[in-house]
Amino acid sequence: MDGKGAWRDNVFFERLWRTIKYKEVYLHAYANVPEARAALCKFLAFYNNVRPHSSLDRKTPDQAYFNALQPIPVAA
């Protein structure tokens, strides 16, 4: 497959979803939807702010993204 609908289009999202399922969802029995939503928000905050990723040189996604942004110099 190539172009629209290729397997490459979803590979990163599928990998993220697999991590969420195995590290959070399958380990907890949520009593209701608000509890599940709160737990998923907490896990995603941990995933983006605290957990280092090997593919990002042991940086968190927030460090890799926000530190990589360089300020645009203003013309005088």
C-alpha atoms as a PDB file:
ATOM      1  CA  MET A   1       0.000   0.000   0.000  1.00  0.00           C
ATOM      2  CA  ASP A   2       1.150   3.495  -0.668  1.00  0.00           C
ATOM      3  CA  GLY A   3      -0.416   6.884  -0.443  1.00  0.00           C
ATOM      4  CA  LYS A   4      -3.629   7.408   1.506  1.00  0.00           C
ATOM      5  CA  GLY A   5      -4.440   4.532   3.837  1.00  0.00           C
ATOM      6  CA  ALA A   6      -0.893   3.186   4.066  1.00  0.00           C
ATOM      7  CA  TRP A   7       0.075   1.320   7.224  1.00  0.00           C
ATOM      8  CA  ARG A   8       2.766   3.952   7.852  1.00  0.00           C
ATOM      9  CA  ASP A   9       0.100   6.580   8.463  1.00  0.00           C
ATOM     10  CA  ASN A  10      -1.018   5.057  11.764  1.00  0.00           C
ATOM     11  CA  VAL A  11       2.105   3.342  13.061  1.00  0.00           C
ATOM     12  CA  PHE A  12       2.982   6.029  15.639  1.00  0.00           C
ATOM     13  CA  PHE A  13      -0.558   6.341  16.936  1.00  0.00           C
ATOM     14  CA  GLU A  14      -0.927   2.557  17.139  1.00  0.00           C
ATOM     15  CA  ARG A  15       2.302   2.316  19.117  1.00  0.00           C
ATOM     16  CA  LEU A  16       1.099   5.021  21.535  1.00  0.00           C
ATOM     17  CA  TRP A  17      -2.274   3.322  21.947  1.00  0.00           C
ATOM     18  CA  ARG A  18      -0.582  -0.038  22.622  1.00  0.00           C
ATOM     19  CA  THR A  19       1.509   1.597  25.366  1.00  0.00           C
ATOM     20  CA  ILE A  20      -1.586   3.180  26.936  1.00  0.00           C
ATOM     21  CA  LYS A  21      -3.461  -0.128  26.898  1.00  0.00           C
ATOM     22  CA  TYR A  22      -0.685  -2.251  28.388  1.00  0.00           C
ATOM     23  CA  LYS A  23       0.681   0.267  30.911  1.00  0.00           C
ATOM     24  CA  GLU A  24      -2.611   1.751  32.136  1.00  0.00           C
ATOM     25  CA  VAL A  25      -5.920   0.366  30.870  1.00  0.00           C
ATOM     26  CA  TYR A  26      -5.315  -3.369  31.294  1.00  0.00           C
ATOM     27  CA  LEU A  27      -3.839  -2.888  34.767  1.00  0.00           C
ATOM     28  CA  HIS A  28      -6.814  -1.058  36.273  1.00  0.00           C
ATOM     29  CA  ALA A  29     -10.522  -1.773  36.613  1.00  0.00           C
ATOM     30  CA  TYR A  30     -12.240   1.588  36.353  1.00  0.00           C
ATOM     31  CA  ALA A  31     -15.594   1.973  38.092  1.00  0.00           C
ATOM     32  CA  ASN A  32     -16.954   4.550  35.652  1.00  0.00           C
ATOM     33  CA  VAL A  33     -16.061   6.741  32.693  1.00  0.00           C
ATOM     34  CA  PRO A  34     -15.005   9.849  34.676  1.00  0.00           C
ATOM     35  CA  GLU A  35     -12.578   7.726  36.697  1.00  0.00           C
ATOM     36  CA  ALA A  36     -11.121   6.216  33.513  1.00  0.00           C
ATOM     37  CA  ARG A  37     -10.821   9.646  31.901  1.00  0.00           C
ATOM     38  CA  ALA A  38      -9.007  11.072  34.927  1.00  0.00           C
ATOM     39  CA  ALA A  39      -6.610   8.103  35.051  1.00  0.00           C
ATOM     40  CA  LEU A  40      -5.854   8.391  31.320  1.00  0.00           C
ATOM     41  CA  CYS A  41      -5.206  12.128  31.625  1.00  0.00           C
ATOM     42  CA  LYS A  42      -2.830  11.450  34.521  1.00  0.00           C
ATOM     43  CA  PHE A  43      -1.033   8.723  32.547  1.00  0.00           C
ATOM     44  CA  LEU A  44      -0.661  10.915  29.444  1.00  0.00           C
ATOM     45  CA  ALA A  45       0.760  13.727  31.578  1.00  0.00           C
ATOM     46  CA  PHE A  46       3.271  11.242  33.004  1.00  0.00           C
ATOM     47  CA  TYR A  47       4.030   9.900  29.511  1.00  0.00           C
ATOM     48  CA  ASN A  48       4.744  13.361  28.106  1.00  0.00           C
ATOM     49  CA  ASN A  49       6.348  15.103  31.090  1.00  0.00           C
ATOM     50  CA  VAL A  50       8.170  12.485  33.172  1.00  0.00           C
ATOM     51  CA  ARG A  51       8.812   9.248  31.264  1.00  0.00           C
ATOM     52  CA  PRO A  52      12.046   9.325  29.215  1.00  0.00           C
ATOM     53  CA  HIS A  53      11.884   7.759  25.744  1.00  0.00           C
ATOM     54  CA  SER A  54      14.773   5.809  24.253  1.00  0.00           C
ATOM     55  CA  SER A  55      13.981   7.066  20.755  1.00  0.00           C
ATOM     56  CA  LEU A  56      14.378  10.658  21.988  1.00  0.00           C
ATOM     57  CA  ASP A  57      17.826  10.180  23.580  1.00  0.00           C
ATOM     58  CA  ARG A  58      16.244   9.564  26.991  1.00  0.00           C
ATOM     59  CA  LYS A  59      14.351  12.863  26.883  1.00  0.00           C
ATOM     60  CA  THR A  60      10.668  13.283  27.556  1.00  0.00           C
ATOM     61  CA  PRO A  61       8.486  14.273  24.592  1.00  0.00           C
ATOM     62  CA  ASP A  62       7.996  17.730  26.120  1.00  0.00           C
ATOM     63  CA  GLN A  63      11.766  18.237  26.447  1.00  0.00           C
ATOM     64  CA  ALA A  64      12.395  17.030  22.911  1.00  0.00           C
ATOM     65  CA  TYR A  65       9.688  19.200  21.381  1.00  0.00           C
ATOM     66  CA  PHE A  66       9.716  22.397  23.399  1.00  0.00           C
ATOM     67  CA  ASN A  67      13.506  22.626  23.817  1.00  0.00           C
ATOM     68  CA  ALA A  68      13.987  22.054  20.081  1.00  0.00           C
ATOM     69  CA  LEU A  69      11.978  25.156  19.203  1.00  0.00           C
ATOM     70  CA  GLN A  70      14.328  28.039  18.561  1.00  0.00           C
ATOM     71  CA  PRO A  71      13.092  31.606  18.904  1.00  0.00           C
ATOM     72  CA  ILE A  72      12.795  33.451  15.623  1.00  0.00           C
ATOM     73  CA  PRO A  73      15.063  36.511  15.601  1.00  0.00           C
ATOM     74  CA  VAL A  74      13.244  39.762  15.101  1.00  0.00           C
ATOM     75  CA  ALA A  75      14.471  41.973  12.299  1.00  0.00           C
ATOM     76  CA  ALA A  76      15.678  45.338  13.520  1.00  0.00           C
END
